[in-house]
Amino acid sequence: LREFQSGDLPVLIATDVASRGLHVPDVSHVINYDLPQDPEDYVHRIGRTARAGASGDAISFACETYAFTLPEIEKFIGHRIPMGAIDVGD
């Protein structure tokens, strides 16, 4: 964690514990490997970016199994999340 905070480590892979329990300044991107089932967890995850007026991006991957939570998340945050498909080939 110290190496990530100092910039020596460019990427940090974490669980939901990091979204609620750790203060890590200057996070520019959050990538959700899957969508959480609880909309509040989504807000806590992406809330790692754009703190104190900074900008940041959140990218979320969702398979058919986890995509069912998207409408509930959008309702909770009050806007639609832009979507796109990824062609994984054969």
PDB file of N, CA and C in Angstrom:
ATOM      1  N   LEU A   1       0.829  -1.189   0.000  1.00  0.00           N
ATOM      2  CA  LEU A   1       0.000   0.000   0.000  1.00  0.00           C
ATOM      3  C   LEU A   1       0.877   1.258   0.000  1.00  0.00           C
ATOM      4  N   ARG A   2       1.938   1.234   0.787  1.00  0.00           N
ATOM      5  CA  ARG A   2       2.844   2.390   0.815  1.00  0.00           C
ATOM      6  C   ARG A   2       3.456   2.652  -0.561  1.00  0.00           C
ATOM      7  N   GLU A   3       3.819   1.567  -1.254  1.00  0.00           N
ATOM      8  CA  GLU A   3       4.414   1.718  -2.582  1.00  0.00           C
ATOM      9  C   GLU A   3       3.416   2.317  -3.571  1.00  0.00           C
ATOM     10  N   PHE A   4       2.140   1.952  -3.454  1.00  0.00           N
ATOM     11  CA  PHE A   4       1.112   2.538  -4.318  1.00  0.00           C
ATOM     12  C   PHE A   4       0.931   4.016  -3.989  1.00  0.00           C
ATOM     13  N   GLN A   5       0.841   4.327  -2.717  1.00  0.00           N
ATOM     14  CA  GLN A   5       0.647   5.715  -2.298  1.00  0.00           C
ATOM     15  C   GLN A   5       1.818   6.608  -2.700  1.00  0.00           C
ATOM     16  N   SER A   6       3.018   6.051  -2.705  1.00  0.00           N
ATOM     17  CA  SER A   6       4.195   6.845  -3.070  1.00  0.00           C
ATOM     18  C   SER A   6       4.388   6.940  -4.584  1.00  0.00           C
ATOM     19  N   GLY A   7       3.643   6.129  -5.346  1.00  0.00           N
ATOM     20  CA  GLY A   7       3.781   6.144  -6.792  1.00  0.00           C
ATOM     21  C   GLY A   7       4.761   5.127  -7.325  1.00  0.00           C
ATOM     22  N   ASP A   8       5.409   4.368  -6.439  1.00  0.00           N
ATOM     23  CA  ASP A   8       6.349   3.341  -6.884  1.00  0.00           C
ATOM     24  C   ASP A   8       5.632   2.147  -7.516  1.00  0.00           C
ATOM     25  N   LEU A   9       4.399   1.912  -7.122  1.00  0.00           N
ATOM     26  CA  LEU A   9       3.583   0.822  -7.656  1.00  0.00           C
ATOM     27  C   LEU A   9       2.407   1.458  -8.392  1.00  0.00           C
ATOM     28  N   PRO A  10       2.309   1.274  -9.725  1.00  0.00           N
ATOM     29  CA  PRO A  10       1.288   1.998 -10.483  1.00  0.00           C
ATOM     30  C   PRO A  10      -0.134   1.444 -10.352  1.00  0.00           C
ATOM     31  N   VAL A  11      -0.273   0.193  -9.929  1.00  0.00           N
ATOM     32  CA  VAL A  11      -1.588  -0.447  -9.860  1.00  0.00           C
ATOM     33  C   VAL A  11      -1.748  -1.130  -8.513  1.00  0.00           C
ATOM     34  N   LEU A  12      -2.930  -0.991  -7.936  1.00  0.00           N
ATOM     35  CA  LEU A  12      -3.261  -1.671  -6.688  1.00  0.00           C
ATOM     36  C   LEU A  12      -4.516  -2.493  -6.924  1.00  0.00           C
ATOM     37  N   ILE A  13      -4.461  -3.774  -6.640  1.00  0.00           N
ATOM     38  CA  ILE A  13      -5.623  -4.654  -6.733  1.00  0.00           C
ATOM     39  C   ILE A  13      -6.132  -4.862  -5.323  1.00  0.00           C
ATOM     40  N   ALA A  14      -7.434  -4.603  -5.126  1.00  0.00           N
ATOM     41  CA  ALA A  14      -7.967  -4.626  -3.761  1.00  0.00           C
ATOM     42  C   ALA A  14      -9.389  -5.170  -3.729  1.00  0.00           C
ATOM     43  N   THR A  15      -9.824  -5.514  -2.543  1.00  0.00           N
ATOM     44  CA  THR A  15     -11.199  -5.944  -2.308  1.00  0.00           C
ATOM     45  C   THR A  15     -12.022  -4.742  -1.857  1.00  0.00           C
ATOM     46  N   ASP A  16     -13.282  -4.972  -1.529  1.00  0.00           N
ATOM     47  CA  ASP A  16     -14.147  -3.889  -1.057  1.00  0.00           C
ATOM     48  C   ASP A  16     -13.654  -3.262   0.240  1.00  0.00           C
ATOM     49  N   VAL A  17     -12.802  -3.940   0.972  1.00  0.00           N
ATOM     50  CA  VAL A  17     -12.251  -3.370   2.201  1.00  0.00           C
ATOM     51  C   VAL A  17     -11.533  -2.058   1.886  1.00  0.00           C
ATOM     52  N   ALA A  18     -10.827  -2.013   0.776  1.00  0.00           N
ATOM     53  CA  ALA A  18     -10.101  -0.796   0.399  1.00  0.00           C
ATOM     54  C   ALA A  18     -11.049   0.347   0.062  1.00  0.00           C
ATOM     55  N   SER A  19     -12.240   0.029  -0.416  1.00  0.00           N
ATOM     56  CA  SER A  19     -13.167   1.094  -0.799  1.00  0.00           C
ATOM     57  C   SER A  19     -13.783   1.783   0.403  1.00  0.00           C
ATOM     58  N   ARG A  20     -13.776   1.138   1.539  1.00  0.00           N
ATOM     59  CA  ARG A  20     -14.383   1.726   2.727  1.00  0.00           C
ATOM     60  C   ARG A  20     -13.366   2.057   3.817  1.00  0.00           C
ATOM     61  N   GLY A  21     -12.328   1.265   3.923  1.00  0.00           N
ATOM     62  CA  GLY A  21     -11.468   1.396   5.088  1.00  0.00           C
ATOM     63  C   GLY A  21     -10.154   2.109   4.889  1.00  0.00           C
ATOM     64  N   LEU A  22      -9.763   2.365   3.654  1.00  0.00           N
ATOM     65  CA  LEU A  22      -8.457   2.967   3.413  1.00  0.00           C
ATOM     66  C   LEU A  22      -8.602   4.329   2.756  1.00  0.00           C
ATOM     67  N   HIS A  23      -7.784   5.261   3.167  1.00  0.00           N
ATOM     68  CA  HIS A  23      -7.750   6.564   2.499  1.00  0.00           C
ATOM     69  C   HIS A  23      -6.515   6.583   1.609  1.00  0.00           C
ATOM     70  N   VAL A  24      -6.750   6.562   0.310  1.00  0.00           N
ATOM     71  CA  VAL A  24      -5.662   6.608  -0.659  1.00  0.00           C
ATOM     72  C   VAL A  24      -5.916   7.814  -1.563  1.00  0.00           C
ATOM     73  N   PRO A  25      -5.142   8.872  -1.408  1.00  0.00           N
ATOM     74  CA  PRO A  25      -5.365  10.070  -2.230  1.00  0.00           C
ATOM     75  C   PRO A  25      -4.886   9.880  -3.667  1.00  0.00           C
ATOM     76  N   ASP A  26      -5.405  10.709  -4.551  1.00  0.00           N
ATOM     77  CA  ASP A  26      -4.946  10.789  -5.944  1.00  0.00           C
ATOM     78  C   ASP A  26      -5.120   9.502  -6.735  1.00  0.00           C
ATOM     79  N   VAL A  27      -6.233   8.819  -6.552  1.00  0.00           N
ATOM     80  CA  VAL A  27      -6.546   7.646  -7.376  1.00  0.00           C
ATOM     81  C   VAL A  27      -7.219   8.154  -8.644  1.00  0.00           C
ATOM     82  N   SER A  28      -6.628   7.874  -9.797  1.00  0.00           N
ATOM     83  CA  SER A  28      -7.163   8.401 -11.055  1.00  0.00           C
ATOM     84  C   SER A  28      -8.162   7.461 -11.717  1.00  0.00           C
ATOM     85  N   HIS A  29      -8.046   6.161 -11.450  1.00  0.00           N
ATOM     86  CA  HIS A  29      -8.928   5.184 -12.080  1.00  0.00           C
ATOM     87  C   HIS A  29      -9.309   4.084 -11.090  1.00  0.00           C
ATOM     88  N   VAL A  30     -10.555   3.657 -11.190  1.00  0.00           N
ATOM     89  CA  VAL A  30     -11.016   2.463 -10.482  1.00  0.00           C
ATOM     90  C   VAL A  30     -11.606   1.543 -11.537  1.00  0.00           C
ATOM     91  N   ILE A  31     -11.178   0.301 -11.543  1.00  0.00           N
ATOM     92  CA  ILE A  31     -11.712  -0.682 -12.484  1.00  0.00           C
ATOM     93  C   ILE A  31     -12.388  -1.775 -11.674  1.00  0.00           C
ATOM     94  N   ASN A  32     -13.687  -1.917 -11.887  1.00  0.00           N
ATOM     95  CA  ASN A  32     -14.456  -2.972 -11.239  1.00  0.00           C
ATOM     96  C   ASN A  32     -14.434  -4.200 -12.137  1.00  0.00           C
ATOM     97  N   TYR A  33     -13.855  -5.269 -11.651  1.00  0.00           N
ATOM     98  CA  TYR A  33     -13.837  -6.509 -12.424  1.00  0.00           C
ATOM     99  C   TYR A  33     -15.248  -7.059 -12.570  1.00  0.00           C
ATOM    100  N   ASP A  34     -16.080  -6.830 -11.584  1.00  0.00           N
ATOM    101  CA  ASP A  34     -17.499  -7.151 -11.672  1.00  0.00           C
ATOM    102  C   ASP A  34     -18.273  -6.105 -10.876  1.00  0.00           C
ATOM    103  N   LEU A  35     -19.550  -5.987 -11.156  1.00  0.00           N
ATOM    104  CA  LEU A  35     -20.374  -5.029 -10.421  1.00  0.00           C
ATOM    105  C   LEU A  35     -20.746  -5.605  -9.068  1.00  0.00           C
ATOM    106  N   PRO A  36     -20.737  -4.782  -8.045  1.00  0.00           N
ATOM    107  CA  PRO A  36     -21.181  -5.273  -6.739  1.00  0.00           C
ATOM    108  C   PRO A  36     -22.698  -5.450  -6.734  1.00  0.00           C
ATOM    109  N   GLN A  37     -23.194  -6.274  -5.840  1.00  0.00           N
ATOM    110  CA  GLN A  37     -24.635  -6.486  -5.731  1.00  0.00           C
ATOM    111  C   GLN A  37     -25.312  -5.333  -5.010  1.00  0.00           C
ATOM    112  N   ASP A  38     -24.595  -4.605  -4.203  1.00  0.00           N
ATOM    113  CA  ASP A  38     -25.143  -3.502  -3.418  1.00  0.00           C
ATOM    114  C   ASP A  38     -24.730  -2.171  -4.056  1.00  0.00           C
ATOM    115  N   PRO A  39     -25.702  -1.320  -4.431  1.00  0.00           N
ATOM    116  CA  PRO A  39     -25.358  -0.028  -5.034  1.00  0.00           C
ATOM    117  C   PRO A  39     -24.457   0.843  -4.158  1.00  0.00           C
ATOM    118  N   GLU A  40     -24.606   0.763  -2.849  1.00  0.00           N
ATOM    119  CA  GLU A  40     -23.727   1.547  -1.965  1.00  0.00           C
ATOM    120  C   GLU A  40     -22.277   1.109  -2.106  1.00  0.00           C
ATOM    121  N   ASP A  41     -22.048  -0.189  -2.301  1.00  0.00           N
ATOM    122  CA  ASP A  41     -20.682  -0.674  -2.515  1.00  0.00           C
ATOM    123  C   ASP A  41     -20.099  -0.086  -3.798  1.00  0.00           C
ATOM    124  N   TYR A  42     -20.936   0.043  -4.834  1.00  0.00           N
ATOM    125  CA  TYR A  42     -20.474   0.654  -6.083  1.00  0.00           C
ATOM    126  C   TYR A  42     -20.014   2.090  -5.830  1.00  0.00           C
ATOM    127  N   VAL A  43     -20.824   2.843  -5.106  1.00  0.00           N
ATOM    128  CA  VAL A  43     -20.485   4.238  -4.805  1.00  0.00           C
ATOM    129  C   VAL A  43     -19.189   4.319  -4.006  1.00  0.00           C
ATOM    130  N   HIS A  44     -19.014   3.433  -3.048  1.00  0.00           N
ATOM    131  CA  HIS A  44     -17.777   3.448  -2.256  1.00  0.00           C
ATOM    132  C   HIS A  44     -16.573   3.079  -3.116  1.00  0.00           C
ATOM    133  N   ARG A  45     -16.753   2.121  -4.021  1.00  0.00           N
ATOM    134  CA  ARG A  45     -15.645   1.740  -4.896  1.00  0.00           C
ATOM    135  C   ARG A  45     -15.220   2.893  -5.793  1.00  0.00           C
ATOM    136  N   ILE A  46     -16.174   3.458  -6.531  1.00  0.00           N
ATOM    137  CA  ILE A  46     -15.796   4.503  -7.483  1.00  0.00           C
ATOM    138  C   ILE A  46     -15.469   5.813  -6.783  1.00  0.00           C
ATOM    139  N   GLY A  47     -15.878   5.927  -5.524  1.00  0.00           N
ATOM    140  CA  GLY A  47     -15.576   7.125  -4.748  1.00  0.00           C
ATOM    141  C   GLY A  47     -14.103   7.281  -4.423  1.00  0.00           C
ATOM    142  N   ARG A  48     -13.304   6.288  -4.742  1.00  0.00           N
ATOM    143  CA  ARG A  48     -11.852   6.404  -4.556  1.00  0.00           C
ATOM    144  C   ARG A  48     -11.274   7.416  -5.534  1.00  0.00           C
ATOM    145  N   THR A  49     -11.978   7.662  -6.648  1.00  0.00           N
ATOM    146  CA  THR A  49     -11.522   8.655  -7.629  1.00  0.00           C
ATOM    147  C   THR A  49     -12.237   9.973  -7.379  1.00  0.00           C
ATOM    148  N   ALA A  50     -11.739  11.003  -7.969  1.00  0.00           N
ATOM    149  CA  ALA A  50     -12.392  12.318  -7.979  1.00  0.00           C
ATOM    150  C   ALA A  50     -12.670  12.869  -6.589  1.00  0.00           C
ATOM    151  N   ARG A  51     -11.753  12.704  -5.684  1.00  0.00           N
ATOM    152  CA  ARG A  51     -11.919  13.264  -4.339  1.00  0.00           C
ATOM    153  C   ARG A  51     -11.419  14.701  -4.306  1.00  0.00           C
ATOM    154  N   ALA A  52     -12.074  15.489  -3.514  1.00  0.00           N
ATOM    155  CA  ALA A  52     -11.681  16.891  -3.282  1.00  0.00           C
ATOM    156  C   ALA A  52     -11.546  17.670  -4.588  1.00  0.00           C
ATOM    157  N   GLY A  53     -12.490  17.448  -5.502  1.00  0.00           N
ATOM    158  CA  GLY A  53     -12.494  18.198  -6.749  1.00  0.00           C
ATOM    159  C   GLY A  53     -11.606  17.642  -7.842  1.00  0.00           C
ATOM    160  N   ALA A  54     -10.881  16.578  -7.573  1.00  0.00           N
ATOM    161  CA  ALA A  54     -10.036  15.962  -8.598  1.00  0.00           C
ATOM    162  C   ALA A  54     -10.920  15.200  -9.589  1.00  0.00           C
ATOM    163  N   SER A  55     -10.370  14.869 -10.740  1.00  0.00           N
ATOM    164  CA  SER A  55     -11.127  14.083 -11.708  1.00  0.00           C
ATOM    165  C   SER A  55     -10.654  12.642 -11.663  1.00  0.00           C
ATOM    166  N   GLY A  56     -11.501  11.753 -12.132  1.00  0.00           N
ATOM    167  CA  GLY A  56     -11.156  10.345 -12.155  1.00  0.00           C
ATOM    168  C   GLY A  56     -12.132   9.577 -13.011  1.00  0.00           C
ATOM    169  N   ASP A  57     -11.767   8.365 -13.347  1.00  0.00           N
ATOM    170  CA  ASP A  57     -12.606   7.512 -14.179  1.00  0.00           C
ATOM    171  C   ASP A  57     -12.863   6.188 -13.484  1.00  0.00           C
ATOM    172  N   ALA A  58     -14.070   5.683 -13.675  1.00  0.00           N
ATOM    173  CA  ALA A  58     -14.425   4.354 -13.183  1.00  0.00           C
ATOM    174  C   ALA A  58     -14.868   3.523 -14.377  1.00  0.00           C
ATOM    175  N   ILE A  59     -14.293   2.357 -14.498  1.00  0.00           N
ATOM    176  CA  ILE A  59     -14.638   1.419 -15.566  1.00  0.00           C
ATOM    177  C   ILE A  59     -15.103   0.137 -14.898  1.00  0.00           C
ATOM    178  N   SER A  60     -16.252  -0.362 -15.339  1.00  0.00           N
ATOM    179  CA  SER A  60     -16.802  -1.577 -14.732  1.00  0.00           C
ATOM    180  C   SER A  60     -17.046  -2.624 -15.802  1.00  0.00           C
ATOM    181  N   PHE A  61     -16.585  -3.825 -15.538  1.00  0.00           N
ATOM    182  CA  PHE A  61     -16.889  -4.964 -16.387  1.00  0.00           C
ATOM    183  C   PHE A  61     -18.042  -5.720 -15.745  1.00  0.00           C
ATOM    184  N   ALA A  62     -18.941  -6.238 -16.571  1.00  0.00           N
ATOM    185  CA  ALA A  62     -20.059  -7.007 -16.028  1.00  0.00           C
ATOM    186  C   ALA A  62     -20.461  -8.089 -17.017  1.00  0.00           C
ATOM    187  N   CYS A  63     -20.490  -9.306 -16.554  1.00  0.00           N
ATOM    188  CA  CYS A  63     -21.004 -10.404 -17.362  1.00  0.00           C
ATOM    189  C   CYS A  63     -22.521 -10.461 -17.160  1.00  0.00           C
ATOM    190  N   GLU A  64     -23.183 -11.350 -17.868  1.00  0.00           N
ATOM    191  CA  GLU A  64     -24.637 -11.467 -17.740  1.00  0.00           C
ATOM    192  C   GLU A  64     -25.057 -11.760 -16.308  1.00  0.00           C
ATOM    193  N   THR A  65     -24.237 -12.455 -15.566  1.00  0.00           N
ATOM    194  CA  THR A  65     -24.577 -12.809 -14.186  1.00  0.00           C
ATOM    195  C   THR A  65     -24.634 -11.585 -13.287  1.00  0.00           C
ATOM    196  N   TYR A  66     -23.714 -10.643 -13.457  1.00  0.00           N
ATOM    197  CA  TYR A  66     -23.639  -9.486 -12.572  1.00  0.00           C
ATOM    198  C   TYR A  66     -24.337  -8.247 -13.129  1.00  0.00           C
ATOM    199  N   ALA A  67     -24.615  -8.208 -14.419  1.00  0.00           N
ATOM    200  CA  ALA A  67     -25.215  -7.023 -15.032  1.00  0.00           C
ATOM    201  C   ALA A  67     -26.617  -6.740 -14.512  1.00  0.00           C
ATOM    202  N   PHE A  68     -27.266  -7.707 -13.901  1.00  0.00           N
ATOM    203  CA  PHE A  68     -28.626  -7.492 -13.400  1.00  0.00           C
ATOM    204  C   PHE A  68     -28.680  -6.408 -12.327  1.00  0.00           C
ATOM    205  N   THR A  69     -27.573  -6.084 -11.704  1.00  0.00           N
ATOM    206  CA  THR A  69     -27.572  -5.049 -10.661  1.00  0.00           C
ATOM    207  C   THR A  69     -27.438  -3.639 -11.233  1.00  0.00           C
ATOM    208  N   LEU A  70     -27.144  -3.526 -12.520  1.00  0.00           N
ATOM    209  CA  LEU A  70     -26.919  -2.211 -13.124  1.00  0.00           C
ATOM    210  C   LEU A  70     -28.111  -1.257 -12.969  1.00  0.00           C
ATOM    211  N   PRO A  71     -29.346  -1.654 -13.271  1.00  0.00           N
ATOM    212  CA  PRO A  71     -30.467  -0.713 -13.092  1.00  0.00           C
ATOM    213  C   PRO A  71     -30.611  -0.210 -11.654  1.00  0.00           C
ATOM    214  N   GLU A  72     -30.384  -1.062 -10.692  1.00  0.00           N
ATOM    215  CA  GLU A  72     -30.479  -0.651  -9.288  1.00  0.00           C
ATOM    216  C   GLU A  72     -29.367   0.347  -8.936  1.00  0.00           C
ATOM    217  N   ILE A  73     -28.176   0.119  -9.461  1.00  0.00           N
ATOM    218  CA  ILE A  73     -27.060   1.044  -9.232  1.00  0.00           C
ATOM    219  C   ILE A  73     -27.368   2.398  -9.870  1.00  0.00           C
ATOM    220  N   GLU A  74     -27.862   2.380 -11.110  1.00  0.00           N
ATOM    221  CA  GLU A  74     -28.189   3.631 -11.797  1.00  0.00           C
ATOM    222  C   GLU A  74     -29.270   4.410 -11.051  1.00  0.00           C
ATOM    223  N   LYS A  75     -30.255   3.722 -10.548  1.00  0.00           N
ATOM    224  CA  LYS A  75     -31.313   4.381  -9.777  1.00  0.00           C
ATOM    225  C   LYS A  75     -30.730   5.011  -8.514  1.00  0.00           C
ATOM    226  N   PHE A  76     -29.844   4.295  -7.847  1.00  0.00           N
ATOM    227  CA  PHE A  76     -29.242   4.771  -6.604  1.00  0.00           C
ATOM    228  C   PHE A  76     -28.390   6.020  -6.826  1.00  0.00           C
ATOM    229  N   ILE A  77     -27.610   6.037  -7.916  1.00  0.00           N
ATOM    230  CA  ILE A  77     -26.723   7.178  -8.166  1.00  0.00           C
ATOM    231  C   ILE A  77     -27.415   8.309  -8.931  1.00  0.00           C
ATOM    232  N   GLY A  78     -28.588   8.035  -9.486  1.00  0.00           N
ATOM    233  CA  GLY A  78     -29.360   9.088 -10.136  1.00  0.00           C
ATOM    234  C   GLY A  78     -28.997   9.398 -11.569  1.00  0.00           C
ATOM    235  N   HIS A  79     -28.260   8.530 -12.218  1.00  0.00           N
ATOM    236  CA  HIS A  79     -28.011   8.709 -13.652  1.00  0.00           C
ATOM    237  C   HIS A  79     -27.599   7.396 -14.291  1.00  0.00           C
ATOM    238  N   ARG A  80     -27.666   7.386 -15.627  1.00  0.00           N
ATOM    239  CA  ARG A  80     -27.313   6.174 -16.367  1.00  0.00           C
ATOM    240  C   ARG A  80     -25.802   6.052 -16.502  1.00  0.00           C
ATOM    241  N   ILE A  81     -25.344   4.842 -16.498  1.00  0.00           N
ATOM    242  CA  ILE A  81     -23.926   4.551 -16.686  1.00  0.00           C
ATOM    243  C   ILE A  81     -23.733   4.182 -18.156  1.00  0.00           C
ATOM    244  N   PRO A  82     -22.847   4.874 -18.875  1.00  0.00           N
ATOM    245  CA  PRO A  82     -22.620   4.529 -20.284  1.00  0.00           C
ATOM    246  C   PRO A  82     -22.134   3.088 -20.414  1.00  0.00           C
ATOM    247  N   MET A  83     -22.638   2.404 -21.441  1.00  0.00           N
ATOM    248  CA  MET A  83     -22.269   0.997 -21.631  1.00  0.00           C
ATOM    249  C   MET A  83     -21.726   0.763 -23.030  1.00  0.00           C
ATOM    250  N   GLY A  84     -20.945  -0.273 -23.133  1.00  0.00           N
ATOM    251  CA  GLY A  84     -20.445  -0.731 -24.411  1.00  0.00           C
ATOM    252  C   GLY A  84     -20.174  -2.219 -24.323  1.00  0.00           C
ATOM    253  N   ALA A  85     -20.215  -2.870 -25.455  1.00  0.00           N
ATOM    254  CA  ALA A  85     -19.962  -4.312 -25.491  1.00  0.00           C
ATOM    255  C   ALA A  85     -18.506  -4.568 -25.868  1.00  0.00           C
ATOM    256  N   ILE A  86     -17.993  -5.656 -25.368  1.00  0.00           N
ATOM    257  CA  ILE A  86     -16.639  -6.086 -25.710  1.00  0.00           C
ATOM    258  C   ILE A  86     -16.755  -7.386 -26.479  1.00  0.00           C
ATOM    259  N   ASP A  87     -16.202  -7.412 -27.676  1.00  0.00           N
ATOM    260  CA  ASP A  87     -16.214  -8.626 -28.479  1.00  0.00           C
ATOM    261  C   ASP A  87     -15.041  -9.494 -28.043  1.00  0.00           C
ATOM    262  N   VAL A  88     -15.350 -10.610 -27.421  1.00  0.00           N
ATOM    263  CA  VAL A  88     -14.293 -11.493 -26.932  1.00  0.00           C
ATOM    264  C   VAL A  88     -13.884 -12.526 -27.967  1.00  0.00           C
ATOM    265  N   GLY A  89     -14.489 -12.484 -29.140  1.00  0.00           N
ATOM    266  CA  GLY A  89     -14.121 -13.400 -30.206  1.00  0.00           C
ATOM    267  C   GLY A  89     -14.665 -14.794 -29.988  1.00  0.00           C
ATOM    268  N   ASP A  90     -14.090 -15.725 -30.723  1.00  0.00           N
ATOM    269  CA  ASP A  90     -14.573 -17.118 -30.642  1.00  0.00           C
ATOM    270  C   ASP A  90     -13.952 -17.826 -29.504  1.00  0.00           C
TER     271      ASP A  90
END
